[in-house]
mmCIF file of all heavy atoms, coordinates in Angstrom:
data_MODEL
# 
_entry.id   MODEL 
# 
loop_
_atom_site.group_PDB 
_atom_site.id 
_atom_site.type_symbol 
_atom_site.label_atom_id 
_atom_site.label_alt_id 
_atom_site.label_comp_id 
_atom_site.label_asym_id 
_atom_site.label_entity_id 
_atom_site.label_seq_id 
_atom_site.pdbx_PDB_ins_code 
_atom_site.Cartn_x 
_atom_site.Cartn_y 
_atom_site.Cartn_z 
_atom_site.occupancy 
_atom_site.B_iso_or_equiv 
_atom_site.pdbx_formal_charge 
_atom_site.auth_seq_id 
_atom_site.auth_comp_id 
_atom_site.auth_asym_id 
_atom_site.auth_atom_id 
_atom_site.pdbx_PDB_model_num 
ATOM 1   N N   . GLU A 1 1  ? 0.854  -1.175  0.026   1.00 0.00 ? 1  GLU A N   1 
ATOM 2   C CA  . GLU A 1 1  ? -0.105 -0.018  0.016   1.00 0.00 ? 1  GLU A CA  1 
ATOM 3   C C   . GLU A 1 1  ? 0.861  1.323   -0.081  1.00 0.00 ? 1  GLU A C   1 
ATOM 4   O O   . GLU A 1 1  ? 0.436  2.287   -0.358  1.00 0.00 ? 1  GLU A O   1 
ATOM 5   C CB  . GLU A 1 1  ? -0.913 0.033   1.173   1.00 0.00 ? 1  GLU A CB  1 
ATOM 6   C CG  . GLU A 1 1  ? -1.920 -1.096  1.241   1.00 0.00 ? 1  GLU A CG  1 
ATOM 7   C CD  . GLU A 1 1  ? -2.886 -1.138  0.113   1.00 0.00 ? 1  GLU A CD  1 
ATOM 8   O OE1 . GLU A 1 1  ? -3.506 -0.131  -0.215  1.00 0.00 ? 1  GLU A OE1 1 
ATOM 9   O OE2 . GLU A 1 1  ? -3.088 -2.228  -0.310  1.00 0.00 ? 1  GLU A OE2 1 
ATOM 10  N N   . ASP A 1 2  ? 2.201  1.178   0.388   1.00 0.00 ? 2  ASP A N   1 
ATOM 11  C CA  . ASP A 1 2  ? 3.081  2.250   0.460   1.00 0.00 ? 2  ASP A CA  1 
ATOM 12  C C   . ASP A 1 2  ? 3.726  2.338   -0.872  1.00 0.00 ? 2  ASP A C   1 
ATOM 13  O O   . ASP A 1 2  ? 4.780  1.873   -1.109  1.00 0.00 ? 2  ASP A O   1 
ATOM 14  C CB  . ASP A 1 2  ? 4.064  2.074   1.649   1.00 0.00 ? 2  ASP A CB  1 
ATOM 15  C CG  . ASP A 1 2  ? 5.003  3.279   1.802   1.00 0.00 ? 2  ASP A CG  1 
ATOM 16  O OD1 . ASP A 1 2  ? 4.860  4.223   0.918   1.00 0.00 ? 2  ASP A OD1 1 
ATOM 17  O OD2 . ASP A 1 2  ? 5.706  3.283   2.790   1.00 0.00 ? 2  ASP A OD2 1 
ATOM 18  N N   . ARG A 1 3  ? 3.150  3.042   -1.821  1.00 0.00 ? 3  ARG A N   1 
ATOM 19  C CA  . ARG A 1 3  ? 3.547  3.198   -3.168  1.00 0.00 ? 3  ARG A CA  1 
ATOM 20  C C   . ARG A 1 3  ? 4.956  3.758   -3.349  1.00 0.00 ? 3  ARG A C   1 
ATOM 21  O O   . ARG A 1 3  ? 5.784  3.179   -3.998  1.00 0.00 ? 3  ARG A O   1 
ATOM 22  C CB  . ARG A 1 3  ? 2.427  3.915   -3.932  1.00 0.00 ? 3  ARG A CB  1 
ATOM 23  C CG  . ARG A 1 3  ? 2.851  4.062   -5.484  1.00 0.00 ? 3  ARG A CG  1 
ATOM 24  C CD  . ARG A 1 3  ? 1.621  4.599   -6.220  1.00 0.00 ? 3  ARG A CD  1 
ATOM 25  N NE  . ARG A 1 3  ? 1.968  5.162   -7.468  1.00 0.00 ? 3  ARG A NE  1 
ATOM 26  C CZ  . ARG A 1 3  ? 2.122  4.320   -8.579  1.00 0.00 ? 3  ARG A CZ  1 
ATOM 27  N NH1 . ARG A 1 3  ? 2.010  3.029   -8.317  1.00 0.00 ? 3  ARG A NH1 1 
ATOM 28  N NH2 . ARG A 1 3  ? 2.362  4.777   -9.763  1.00 0.00 ? 3  ARG A NH2 1 
ATOM 29  N N   . GLU A 1 4  ? 5.216  4.878   -2.649  1.00 0.00 ? 4  GLU A N   1 
ATOM 30  C CA  . GLU A 1 4  ? 6.562  5.498   -2.626  1.00 0.00 ? 4  GLU A CA  1 
ATOM 31  C C   . GLU A 1 4  ? 7.581  4.550   -2.262  1.00 0.00 ? 4  GLU A C   1 
ATOM 32  O O   . GLU A 1 4  ? 8.690  4.405   -2.849  1.00 0.00 ? 4  GLU A O   1 
ATOM 33  C CB  . GLU A 1 4  ? 6.481  6.838   -1.746  1.00 0.00 ? 4  GLU A CB  1 
ATOM 34  C CG  . GLU A 1 4  ? 7.720  7.529   -2.000  1.00 0.00 ? 4  GLU A CG  1 
ATOM 35  C CD  . GLU A 1 4  ? 7.734  8.839   -1.196  1.00 0.00 ? 4  GLU A CD  1 
ATOM 36  O OE1 . GLU A 1 4  ? 6.611  9.558   -1.233  1.00 0.00 ? 4  GLU A OE1 1 
ATOM 37  O OE2 . GLU A 1 4  ? 8.683  9.194   -0.513  1.00 0.00 ? 4  GLU A OE2 1 
ATOM 38  N N   . ARG A 1 5  ? 7.340  3.849   -1.173  1.00 0.00 ? 5  ARG A N   1 
ATOM 39  C CA  . ARG A 1 5  ? 8.400  2.905   -0.569  1.00 0.00 ? 5  ARG A CA  1 
ATOM 40  C C   . ARG A 1 5  ? 8.617  1.756   -1.520  1.00 0.00 ? 5  ARG A C   1 
ATOM 41  O O   . ARG A 1 5  ? 9.698  1.251   -1.834  1.00 0.00 ? 5  ARG A O   1 
ATOM 42  C CB  . ARG A 1 5  ? 7.982  2.462   0.809   1.00 0.00 ? 5  ARG A CB  1 
ATOM 43  C CG  . ARG A 1 5  ? 8.797  1.307   1.362   1.00 0.00 ? 5  ARG A CG  1 
ATOM 44  C CD  . ARG A 1 5  ? 9.866  1.809   2.244   1.00 0.00 ? 5  ARG A CD  1 
ATOM 45  N NE  . ARG A 1 5  ? 10.435 0.805   3.007   1.00 0.00 ? 5  ARG A NE  1 
ATOM 46  C CZ  . ARG A 1 5  ? 11.688 0.475   2.952   1.00 0.00 ? 5  ARG A CZ  1 
ATOM 47  N NH1 . ARG A 1 5  ? 12.480 1.212   2.212   1.00 0.00 ? 5  ARG A NH1 1 
ATOM 48  N NH2 . ARG A 1 5  ? 12.128 -0.580  3.625   1.00 0.00 ? 5  ARG A NH2 1 
ATOM 49  N N   . LEU A 1 6  ? 7.496  1.366   -2.226  1.00 0.00 ? 6  LEU A N   1 
ATOM 50  C CA  . LEU A 1 6  ? 7.556  0.234   -3.102  1.00 0.00 ? 6  LEU A CA  1 
ATOM 51  C C   . LEU A 1 6  ? 8.420  0.633   -4.345  1.00 0.00 ? 6  LEU A C   1 
ATOM 52  O O   . LEU A 1 6  ? 9.239  -0.108  -4.856  1.00 0.00 ? 6  LEU A O   1 
ATOM 53  C CB  . LEU A 1 6  ? 6.163  -0.197  -3.657  1.00 0.00 ? 6  LEU A CB  1 
ATOM 54  C CG  . LEU A 1 6  ? 5.975  -1.461  -4.390  1.00 0.00 ? 6  LEU A CG  1 
ATOM 55  C CD1 . LEU A 1 6  ? 6.630  -2.719  -3.555  1.00 0.00 ? 6  LEU A CD1 1 
ATOM 56  C CD2 . LEU A 1 6  ? 4.623  -1.741  -4.815  1.00 0.00 ? 6  LEU A CD2 1 
ATOM 57  N N   . VAL A 1 7  ? 8.200  1.761   -4.911  1.00 0.00 ? 7  VAL A N   1 
ATOM 58  C CA  . VAL A 1 7  ? 9.063  2.390   -6.008  1.00 0.00 ? 7  VAL A CA  1 
ATOM 59  C C   . VAL A 1 7  ? 10.510 2.471   -5.667  1.00 0.00 ? 7  VAL A C   1 
ATOM 60  O O   . VAL A 1 7  ? 11.464 2.116   -6.427  1.00 0.00 ? 7  VAL A O   1 
ATOM 61  C CB  . VAL A 1 7  ? 8.471  3.745   -6.509  1.00 0.00 ? 7  VAL A CB  1 
ATOM 62  C CG1 . VAL A 1 7  ? 9.403  4.438   -7.452  1.00 0.00 ? 7  VAL A CG1 1 
ATOM 63  C CG2 . VAL A 1 7  ? 7.090  3.551   -6.955  1.00 0.00 ? 7  VAL A CG2 1 
ATOM 64  N N   . GLN A 1 8  ? 10.768 2.807   -4.453  1.00 0.00 ? 8  GLN A N   1 
ATOM 65  C CA  . GLN A 1 8  ? 12.150 2.969   -3.989  1.00 0.00 ? 8  GLN A CA  1 
ATOM 66  C C   . GLN A 1 8  ? 12.791 1.580   -4.026  1.00 0.00 ? 8  GLN A C   1 
ATOM 67  O O   . GLN A 1 8  ? 14.035 1.423   -4.415  1.00 0.00 ? 8  GLN A O   1 
ATOM 68  C CB  . GLN A 1 8  ? 12.278 3.687   -2.575  1.00 0.00 ? 8  GLN A CB  1 
ATOM 69  C CG  . GLN A 1 8  ? 11.896 5.169   -2.547  1.00 0.00 ? 8  GLN A CG  1 
ATOM 70  C CD  . GLN A 1 8  ? 11.873 5.589   -1.105  1.00 0.00 ? 8  GLN A CD  1 
ATOM 71  O OE1 . GLN A 1 8  ? 11.814 4.722   -0.084  1.00 0.00 ? 8  GLN A OE1 1 
ATOM 72  N NE2 . GLN A 1 8  ? 12.027 6.869   -1.018  1.00 0.00 ? 8  GLN A NE2 1 
ATOM 73  N N   . GLU A 1 9  ? 12.128 0.608   -3.434  1.00 0.00 ? 9  GLU A N   1 
ATOM 74  C CA  . GLU A 1 9  ? 12.647 -0.789  -3.355  1.00 0.00 ? 9  GLU A CA  1 
ATOM 75  C C   . GLU A 1 9  ? 12.844 -1.316  -4.626  1.00 0.00 ? 9  GLU A C   1 
ATOM 76  O O   . GLU A 1 9  ? 13.906 -1.913  -4.872  1.00 0.00 ? 9  GLU A O   1 
ATOM 77  C CB  . GLU A 1 9  ? 11.631 -1.637  -2.538  1.00 0.00 ? 9  GLU A CB  1 
ATOM 78  C CG  . GLU A 1 9  ? 11.692 -1.397  -1.104  1.00 0.00 ? 9  GLU A CG  1 
ATOM 79  C CD  . GLU A 1 9  ? 12.982 -1.716  -0.388  1.00 0.00 ? 9  GLU A CD  1 
ATOM 80  O OE1 . GLU A 1 9  ? 13.655 -2.786  -0.693  1.00 0.00 ? 9  GLU A OE1 1 
ATOM 81  O OE2 . GLU A 1 9  ? 13.311 -0.836  0.540   1.00 0.00 ? 9  GLU A OE2 1 
ATOM 82  N N   . ILE A 1 10 ? 11.958 -1.119  -5.645  1.00 0.00 ? 10 ILE A N   1 
ATOM 83  C CA  . ILE A 1 10 ? 12.120 -1.657  -7.108  1.00 0.00 ? 10 ILE A CA  1 
ATOM 84  C C   . ILE A 1 10 ? 13.386 -0.928  -7.528  1.00 0.00 ? 10 ILE A C   1 
ATOM 85  O O   . ILE A 1 10 ? 14.117 -1.574  -8.394  1.00 0.00 ? 10 ILE A O   1 
ATOM 86  C CB  . ILE A 1 10 ? 10.835 -1.256  -7.898  1.00 0.00 ? 10 ILE A CB  1 
ATOM 87  C CG1 . ILE A 1 10 ? 9.732  -2.266  -7.419  1.00 0.00 ? 10 ILE A CG1 1 
ATOM 88  C CG2 . ILE A 1 10 ? 11.182 -1.525  -9.418  1.00 0.00 ? 10 ILE A CG2 1 
ATOM 89  C CD1 . ILE A 1 10 ? 8.396  -1.916  -8.065  1.00 0.00 ? 10 ILE A CD1 1 
ATOM 90  N N   . SER A 1 11 ? 13.439 0.387   -7.423  1.00 0.00 ? 11 SER A N   1 
ATOM 91  C CA  . SER A 1 11 ? 14.773 1.083   -7.882  1.00 0.00 ? 11 SER A CA  1 
ATOM 92  C C   . SER A 1 11 ? 16.063 0.487   -7.398  1.00 0.00 ? 11 SER A C   1 
ATOM 93  O O   . SER A 1 11 ? 17.015 0.314   -8.014  1.00 0.00 ? 11 SER A O   1 
ATOM 94  C CB  . SER A 1 11 ? 14.610 2.509   -7.590  1.00 0.00 ? 11 SER A CB  1 
ATOM 95  O OG  . SER A 1 11 ? 15.750 3.298   -8.128  1.00 0.00 ? 11 SER A OG  1 
ATOM 96  N N   . LEU A 1 12 ? 16.037 0.216   -6.074  1.00 0.00 ? 12 LEU A N   1 
ATOM 97  C CA  . LEU A 1 12 ? 17.196 -0.351  -5.363  1.00 0.00 ? 12 LEU A CA  1 
ATOM 98  C C   . LEU A 1 12 ? 17.522 -1.828  -6.039  1.00 0.00 ? 12 LEU A C   1 
ATOM 99  O O   . LEU A 1 12 ? 18.627 -2.112  -6.228  1.00 0.00 ? 12 LEU A O   1 
ATOM 100 C CB  . LEU A 1 12 ? 17.002 -0.499  -3.832  1.00 0.00 ? 12 LEU A CB  1 
ATOM 101 C CG  . LEU A 1 12 ? 17.060 0.790   -3.029  1.00 0.00 ? 12 LEU A CG  1 
ATOM 102 C CD1 . LEU A 1 12 ? 16.567 0.439   -1.671  1.00 0.00 ? 12 LEU A CD1 1 
ATOM 103 C CD2 . LEU A 1 12 ? 18.523 1.293   -3.077  1.00 0.00 ? 12 LEU A CD2 1 
ATOM 104 N N   . LEU A 1 13 ? 16.427 -2.533  -6.190  1.00 0.00 ? 13 LEU A N   1 
ATOM 105 C CA  . LEU A 1 13 ? 16.667 -3.904  -6.688  1.00 0.00 ? 13 LEU A CA  1 
ATOM 106 C C   . LEU A 1 13 ? 17.197 -3.892  -8.241  1.00 0.00 ? 13 LEU A C   1 
ATOM 107 O O   . LEU A 1 13 ? 18.019 -4.621  -8.477  1.00 0.00 ? 13 LEU A O   1 
ATOM 108 C CB  . LEU A 1 13 ? 15.285 -4.755  -6.728  1.00 0.00 ? 13 LEU A CB  1 
ATOM 109 C CG  . LEU A 1 13 ? 14.841 -5.177  -5.332  1.00 0.00 ? 13 LEU A CG  1 
ATOM 110 C CD1 . LEU A 1 13 ? 13.477 -5.633  -5.473  1.00 0.00 ? 13 LEU A CD1 1 
ATOM 111 C CD2 . LEU A 1 13 ? 15.812 -6.083  -4.754  1.00 0.00 ? 13 LEU A CD2 1 
ATOM 112 N N   . ARG A 1 14 ? 16.610 -2.921  -9.026  1.00 0.00 ? 14 ARG A N   1 
ATOM 113 C CA  . ARG A 1 14 ? 17.125 -2.793  -10.326 1.00 0.00 ? 14 ARG A CA  1 
ATOM 114 C C   . ARG A 1 14 ? 18.654 -2.437  -10.349 1.00 0.00 ? 14 ARG A C   1 
ATOM 115 O O   . ARG A 1 14 ? 19.478 -2.907  -11.087 1.00 0.00 ? 14 ARG A O   1 
ATOM 116 C CB  . ARG A 1 14 ? 16.373 -1.794  -11.133 1.00 0.00 ? 14 ARG A CB  1 
ATOM 117 C CG  . ARG A 1 14 ? 14.981 -2.228  -11.409 1.00 0.00 ? 14 ARG A CG  1 
ATOM 118 C CD  . ARG A 1 14 ? 14.255 -1.257  -12.303 1.00 0.00 ? 14 ARG A CD  1 
ATOM 119 N NE  . ARG A 1 14 ? 13.079 -1.845  -12.752 1.00 0.00 ? 14 ARG A NE  1 
ATOM 120 C CZ  . ARG A 1 14 ? 11.982 -1.128  -13.100 1.00 0.00 ? 14 ARG A CZ  1 
ATOM 121 N NH1 . ARG A 1 14 ? 11.938 0.171   -12.905 1.00 0.00 ? 14 ARG A NH1 1 
ATOM 122 N NH2 . ARG A 1 14 ? 10.857 -1.701  -13.510 1.00 0.00 ? 14 ARG A NH2 1 
ATOM 123 N N   . GLY A 1 15 ? 19.014 -1.489  -9.508  1.00 0.00 ? 15 GLY A N   1 
ATOM 124 C CA  . GLY A 1 15 ? 20.406 -1.176  -9.336  1.00 0.00 ? 15 GLY A CA  1 
ATOM 125 C C   . GLY A 1 15 ? 21.302 -2.324  -8.907  1.00 0.00 ? 15 GLY A C   1 
ATOM 126 O O   . GLY A 1 15 ? 22.417 -2.537  -9.489  1.00 0.00 ? 15 GLY A O   1 
ATOM 127 N N   . LYS A 1 16 ? 20.881 -3.202  -7.986  1.00 0.00 ? 16 LYS A N   1 
ATOM 128 C CA  . LYS A 1 16 ? 21.650 -4.336  -7.502  1.00 0.00 ? 16 LYS A CA  1 
ATOM 129 C C   . LYS A 1 16 ? 21.675 -5.369  -8.676  1.00 0.00 ? 16 LYS A C   1 
ATOM 130 O O   . LYS A 1 16 ? 22.782 -5.957  -8.947  1.00 0.00 ? 16 LYS A O   1 
ATOM 131 C CB  . LYS A 1 16 ? 20.832 -5.034  -6.302  1.00 0.00 ? 16 LYS A CB  1 
ATOM 132 C CG  . LYS A 1 16 ? 21.172 -4.372  -4.927  1.00 0.00 ? 16 LYS A CG  1 
ATOM 133 C CD  . LYS A 1 16 ? 20.435 -4.934  -3.878  1.00 0.00 ? 16 LYS A CD  1 
ATOM 134 C CE  . LYS A 1 16 ? 20.740 -4.028  -2.590  1.00 0.00 ? 16 LYS A CE  1 
ATOM 135 N NZ  . LYS A 1 16 ? 20.185 -4.773  -1.371  1.00 0.00 ? 16 LYS A NZ  1 
ATOM 136 N N   . VAL A 1 17 ? 20.649 -5.570  -9.403  1.00 0.00 ? 17 VAL A N   1 
ATOM 137 C CA  . VAL A 1 17 ? 20.683 -6.420  -10.476 1.00 0.00 ? 17 VAL A CA  1 
ATOM 138 C C   . VAL A 1 17 ? 21.654 -6.045  -11.565 1.00 0.00 ? 17 VAL A C   1 
ATOM 139 O O   . VAL A 1 17 ? 22.302 -6.764  -12.144 1.00 0.00 ? 17 VAL A O   1 
ATOM 140 C CB  . VAL A 1 17 ? 19.145 -6.725  -11.109 1.00 0.00 ? 17 VAL A CB  1 
ATOM 141 C CG1 . VAL A 1 17 ? 19.217 -7.425  -12.426 1.00 0.00 ? 17 VAL A CG1 1 
ATOM 142 C CG2 . VAL A 1 17 ? 18.308 -7.412  -10.127 1.00 0.00 ? 17 VAL A CG2 1 
ATOM 143 N N   . ALA A 1 18 ? 21.658 -4.666  -11.943 1.00 0.00 ? 18 ALA A N   1 
ATOM 144 C CA  . ALA A 1 18 ? 22.598 -4.130  -12.918 1.00 0.00 ? 18 ALA A CA  1 
ATOM 145 C C   . ALA A 1 18 ? 23.950 -4.360  -12.457 1.00 0.00 ? 18 ALA A C   1 
ATOM 146 O O   . ALA A 1 18 ? 24.875 -4.709  -13.302 1.00 0.00 ? 18 ALA A O   1 
ATOM 147 C CB  . ALA A 1 18 ? 22.173 -2.715  -13.112 1.00 0.00 ? 18 ALA A CB  1 
ATOM 148 N N   . ARG A 1 19 ? 24.284 -4.113  -11.235 1.00 0.00 ? 19 ARG A N   1 
ATOM 149 C CA  . ARG A 1 19 ? 25.618 -4.364  -10.740 1.00 0.00 ? 19 ARG A CA  1 
ATOM 150 C C   . ARG A 1 19 ? 26.057 -5.837  -10.800 1.00 0.00 ? 19 ARG A C   1 
ATOM 151 O O   . ARG A 1 19 ? 27.205 -6.147  -11.188 1.00 0.00 ? 19 ARG A O   1 
ATOM 152 C CB  . ARG A 1 19 ? 25.807 -3.733  -9.309  1.00 0.00 ? 19 ARG A CB  1 
ATOM 153 C CG  . ARG A 1 19 ? 25.897 -2.247  -9.268  1.00 0.00 ? 19 ARG A CG  1 
ATOM 154 C CD  . ARG A 1 19 ? 26.289 -1.621  -7.756  1.00 0.00 ? 19 ARG A CD  1 
ATOM 155 N NE  . ARG A 1 19 ? 25.158 -2.188  -6.802  1.00 0.00 ? 19 ARG A NE  1 
ATOM 156 C CZ  . ARG A 1 19 ? 24.109 -1.477  -6.549  1.00 0.00 ? 19 ARG A CZ  1 
ATOM 157 N NH1 . ARG A 1 19 ? 23.824 -0.512  -7.334  1.00 0.00 ? 19 ARG A NH1 1 
ATOM 158 N NH2 . ARG A 1 19 ? 23.321 -1.855  -5.621  1.00 0.00 ? 19 ARG A NH2 1 
ATOM 159 N N   . LEU A 1 20 ? 25.183 -6.677  -10.464 1.00 0.00 ? 20 LEU A N   1 
ATOM 160 C CA  . LEU A 1 20 ? 25.420 -8.137  -10.528 1.00 0.00 ? 20 LEU A CA  1 
ATOM 161 C C   . LEU A 1 20 ? 25.600 -8.598  -11.990 1.00 0.00 ? 20 LEU A C   1 
ATOM 162 O O   . LEU A 1 20 ? 26.522 -9.319  -12.275 1.00 0.00 ? 20 LEU A O   1 
ATOM 163 C CB  . LEU A 1 20 ? 24.217 -8.903  -9.887  1.00 0.00 ? 20 LEU A CB  1 
ATOM 164 C CG  . LEU A 1 20 ? 24.193 -8.842  -8.373  1.00 0.00 ? 20 LEU A CG  1 
ATOM 165 C CD1 . LEU A 1 20 ? 22.830 -9.555  -7.875  1.00 0.00 ? 20 LEU A CD1 1 
ATOM 166 C CD2 . LEU A 1 20 ? 25.533 -9.567  -7.774  1.00 0.00 ? 20 LEU A CD2 1 
ATOM 167 N N   . GLN A 1 21 ? 24.793 -8.023  -12.929 1.00 0.00 ? 21 GLN A N   1 
ATOM 168 C CA  . GLN A 1 21 ? 25.001 -8.317  -14.370 1.00 0.00 ? 21 GLN A CA  1 
ATOM 169 C C   . GLN A 1 21 ? 26.489 -7.931  -14.805 1.00 0.00 ? 21 GLN A C   1 
ATOM 170 O O   . GLN A 1 21 ? 27.076 -8.600  -15.567 1.00 0.00 ? 21 GLN A O   1 
ATOM 171 C CB  . GLN A 1 21 ? 23.850 -7.836  -15.205 1.00 0.00 ? 21 GLN A CB  1 
ATOM 172 C CG  . GLN A 1 21 ? 22.543 -8.514  -14.977 1.00 0.00 ? 21 GLN A CG  1 
ATOM 173 C CD  . GLN A 1 21 ? 21.413 -7.808  -15.784 1.00 0.00 ? 21 GLN A CD  1 
ATOM 174 O OE1 . GLN A 1 21 ? 21.375 -6.650  -15.831 1.00 0.00 ? 21 GLN A OE1 1 
ATOM 175 N NE2 . GLN A 1 21 ? 20.503 -8.564  -16.188 1.00 0.00 ? 21 GLN A NE2 1 
ATOM 176 N N   . GLU A 1 22 ? 26.708 -6.708  -14.527 1.00 0.00 ? 22 GLU A N   1 
ATOM 177 C CA  . GLU A 1 22 ? 28.071 -6.251  -14.759 1.00 0.00 ? 22 GLU A CA  1 
ATOM 178 C C   . GLU A 1 22 ? 29.128 -7.027  -14.247 1.00 0.00 ? 22 GLU A C   1 
ATOM 179 O O   . GLU A 1 22 ? 30.119 -7.317  -14.927 1.00 0.00 ? 22 GLU A O   1 
ATOM 180 C CB  . GLU A 1 22 ? 28.200 -4.684  -14.214 1.00 0.00 ? 22 GLU A CB  1 
ATOM 181 C CG  . GLU A 1 22 ? 29.409 -4.119  -14.668 1.00 0.00 ? 22 GLU A CG  1 
ATOM 182 C CD  . GLU A 1 22 ? 29.487 -2.547  -14.213 1.00 0.00 ? 22 GLU A CD  1 
ATOM 183 O OE1 . GLU A 1 22 ? 28.481 -1.867  -14.437 1.00 0.00 ? 22 GLU A OE1 1 
ATOM 184 O OE2 . GLU A 1 22 ? 30.591 -2.143  -13.592 1.00 0.00 ? 22 GLU A OE2 1 
ATOM 185 N N   . ARG A 1 23 ? 29.113 -7.459  -13.048 1.00 0.00 ? 23 ARG A N   1 
ATOM 186 C CA  . ARG A 1 23 ? 30.057 -8.327  -12.536 1.00 0.00 ? 23 ARG A CA  1 
ATOM 187 C C   . ARG A 1 23 ? 30.142 -9.700  -13.231 1.00 0.00 ? 23 ARG A C   1 
ATOM 188 O O   . ARG A 1 23 ? 31.276 -10.216 -13.428 1.00 0.00 ? 23 ARG A O   1 
ATOM 189 C CB  . ARG A 1 23 ? 29.730 -8.568  -10.947 1.00 0.00 ? 23 ARG A CB  1 
ATOM 190 C CG  . ARG A 1 23 ? 30.814 -9.338  -10.293 1.00 0.00 ? 23 ARG A CG  1 
ATOM 191 C CD  . ARG A 1 23 ? 32.122 -8.644  -10.220 1.00 0.00 ? 23 ARG A CD  1 
ATOM 192 N NE  . ARG A 1 23 ? 33.113 -9.494  -9.488  1.00 0.00 ? 23 ARG A NE  1 
ATOM 193 C CZ  . ARG A 1 23 ? 34.354 -9.501  -9.788  1.00 0.00 ? 23 ARG A CZ  1 
ATOM 194 N NH1 . ARG A 1 23 ? 34.789 -8.816  -10.778 1.00 0.00 ? 23 ARG A NH1 1 
ATOM 195 N NH2 . ARG A 1 23 ? 35.250 -10.272 -9.136  1.00 0.00 ? 23 ARG A NH2 1 
ATOM 196 N N   . VAL A 1 24 ? 29.018 -10.258 -13.586 1.00 0.00 ? 24 VAL A N   1 
ATOM 197 C CA  . VAL A 1 24 ? 29.011 -11.505 -14.245 1.00 0.00 ? 24 VAL A CA  1 
ATOM 198 C C   . VAL A 1 24 ? 29.695 -11.329 -15.622 1.00 0.00 ? 24 VAL A C   1 
ATOM 199 O O   . VAL A 1 24 ? 30.431 -12.123 -16.031 1.00 0.00 ? 24 VAL A O   1 
ATOM 200 C CB  . VAL A 1 24 ? 27.472 -12.055 -14.450 1.00 0.00 ? 24 VAL A CB  1 
ATOM 201 C CG1 . VAL A 1 24 ? 27.467 -13.103 -15.431 1.00 0.00 ? 24 VAL A CG1 1 
ATOM 202 C CG2 . VAL A 1 24 ? 27.018 -12.560 -13.033 1.00 0.00 ? 24 VAL A CG2 1 
ATOM 203 N N   . GLU A 1 25 ? 29.363 -10.193 -16.387 1.00 0.00 ? 25 GLU A N   1 
ATOM 204 C CA  . GLU A 1 25 ? 30.045 -9.937  -17.541 1.00 0.00 ? 25 GLU A CA  1 
ATOM 205 C C   . GLU A 1 25 ? 31.613 -9.811  -17.368 1.00 0.00 ? 25 GLU A C   1 
ATOM 206 O O   . GLU A 1 25 ? 32.426 -10.355 -18.222 1.00 0.00 ? 25 GLU A O   1 
ATOM 207 C CB  . GLU A 1 25 ? 29.511 -8.696  -18.196 1.00 0.00 ? 25 GLU A CB  1 
ATOM 208 C CG  . GLU A 1 25 ? 28.110 -8.835  -18.740 1.00 0.00 ? 25 GLU A CG  1 
ATOM 209 C CD  . GLU A 1 25 ? 27.587 -7.607  -19.151 1.00 0.00 ? 25 GLU A CD  1 
ATOM 210 O OE1 . GLU A 1 25 ? 28.226 -6.548  -19.310 1.00 0.00 ? 25 GLU A OE1 1 
ATOM 211 O OE2 . GLU A 1 25 ? 26.304 -7.633  -19.367 1.00 0.00 ? 25 GLU A OE2 1 
ATOM 212 N N   . GLN A 1 26 ? 32.131 -9.157  -16.320 1.00 0.00 ? 26 GLN A N   1 
ATOM 213 C CA  . GLN A 1 26 ? 33.425 -9.041  -16.065 1.00 0.00 ? 26 GLN A CA  1 
ATOM 214 C C   . GLN A 1 26 ? 34.172 -10.341 -15.776 1.00 0.00 ? 26 GLN A C   1 
ATOM 215 O O   . GLN A 1 26 ? 35.220 -10.704 -16.266 1.00 0.00 ? 26 GLN A O   1 
ATOM 216 C CB  . GLN A 1 26 ? 33.825 -8.112  -14.887 1.00 0.00 ? 26 GLN A CB  1 
ATOM 217 C CG  . GLN A 1 26 ? 33.482 -6.629  -15.036 1.00 0.00 ? 26 GLN A CG  1 
ATOM 218 C CD  . GLN A 1 26 ? 33.416 -5.933  -13.742 1.00 0.00 ? 26 GLN A CD  1 
ATOM 219 O OE1 . GLN A 1 26 ? 33.446 -6.526  -12.752 1.00 0.00 ? 26 GLN A OE1 1 
ATOM 220 N NE2 . GLN A 1 26 ? 33.488 -4.518  -13.766 1.00 0.00 ? 26 GLN A NE2 1 
ATOM 221 N N   . LEU A 1 27 ? 33.532 -11.196 -14.979 1.00 0.00 ? 27 LEU A N   1 
ATOM 222 C CA  . LEU A 1 27 ? 34.011 -12.572 -14.726 1.00 0.00 ? 27 LEU A CA  1 
ATOM 223 C C   . LEU A 1 27 ? 34.037 -13.404 -16.032 1.00 0.00 ? 27 LEU A C   1 
ATOM 224 O O   . LEU A 1 27 ? 35.043 -14.264 -16.186 1.00 0.00 ? 27 LEU A O   1 
ATOM 225 C CB  . LEU A 1 27 ? 33.201 -13.284 -13.630 1.00 0.00 ? 27 LEU A CB  1 
ATOM 226 C CG  . LEU A 1 27 ? 33.259 -12.632 -12.253 1.00 0.00 ? 27 LEU A CG  1 
ATOM 227 C CD1 . LEU A 1 27 ? 32.317 -13.182 -11.226 1.00 0.00 ? 27 LEU A CD1 1 
ATOM 228 C CD2 . LEU A 1 27 ? 34.751 -12.774 -11.595 1.00 0.00 ? 27 LEU A CD2 1 
ATOM 229 N N   . ASP A 1 28 ? 33.000 -13.280 -16.859 1.00 0.00 ? 28 ASP A N   1 
ATOM 230 C CA  . ASP A 1 28 ? 32.974 -14.109 -18.007 1.00 0.00 ? 28 ASP A CA  1 
ATOM 231 C C   . ASP A 1 28 ? 34.206 -13.644 -18.983 1.00 0.00 ? 28 ASP A C   1 
ATOM 232 O O   . ASP A 1 28 ? 34.853 -14.443 -19.617 1.00 0.00 ? 28 ASP A O   1 
ATOM 233 C CB  . ASP A 1 28 ? 31.659 -13.834 -18.772 1.00 0.00 ? 28 ASP A CB  1 
ATOM 234 C CG  . ASP A 1 28 ? 31.546 -14.584 -20.090 1.00 0.00 ? 28 ASP A CG  1 
ATOM 235 O OD1 . ASP A 1 28 ? 31.538 -15.913 -19.962 1.00 0.00 ? 28 ASP A OD1 1 
ATOM 236 O OD2 . ASP A 1 28 ? 31.430 -14.044 -21.123 1.00 0.00 ? 28 ASP A OD2 1 
# 
């Protein structure tokens, strides 16, 4: 129900996923 908090969490998760994808590409 807390839309603003939900948007923040999604943004944080997207940032984490992007960093993990970048790290996987570096390791590859």
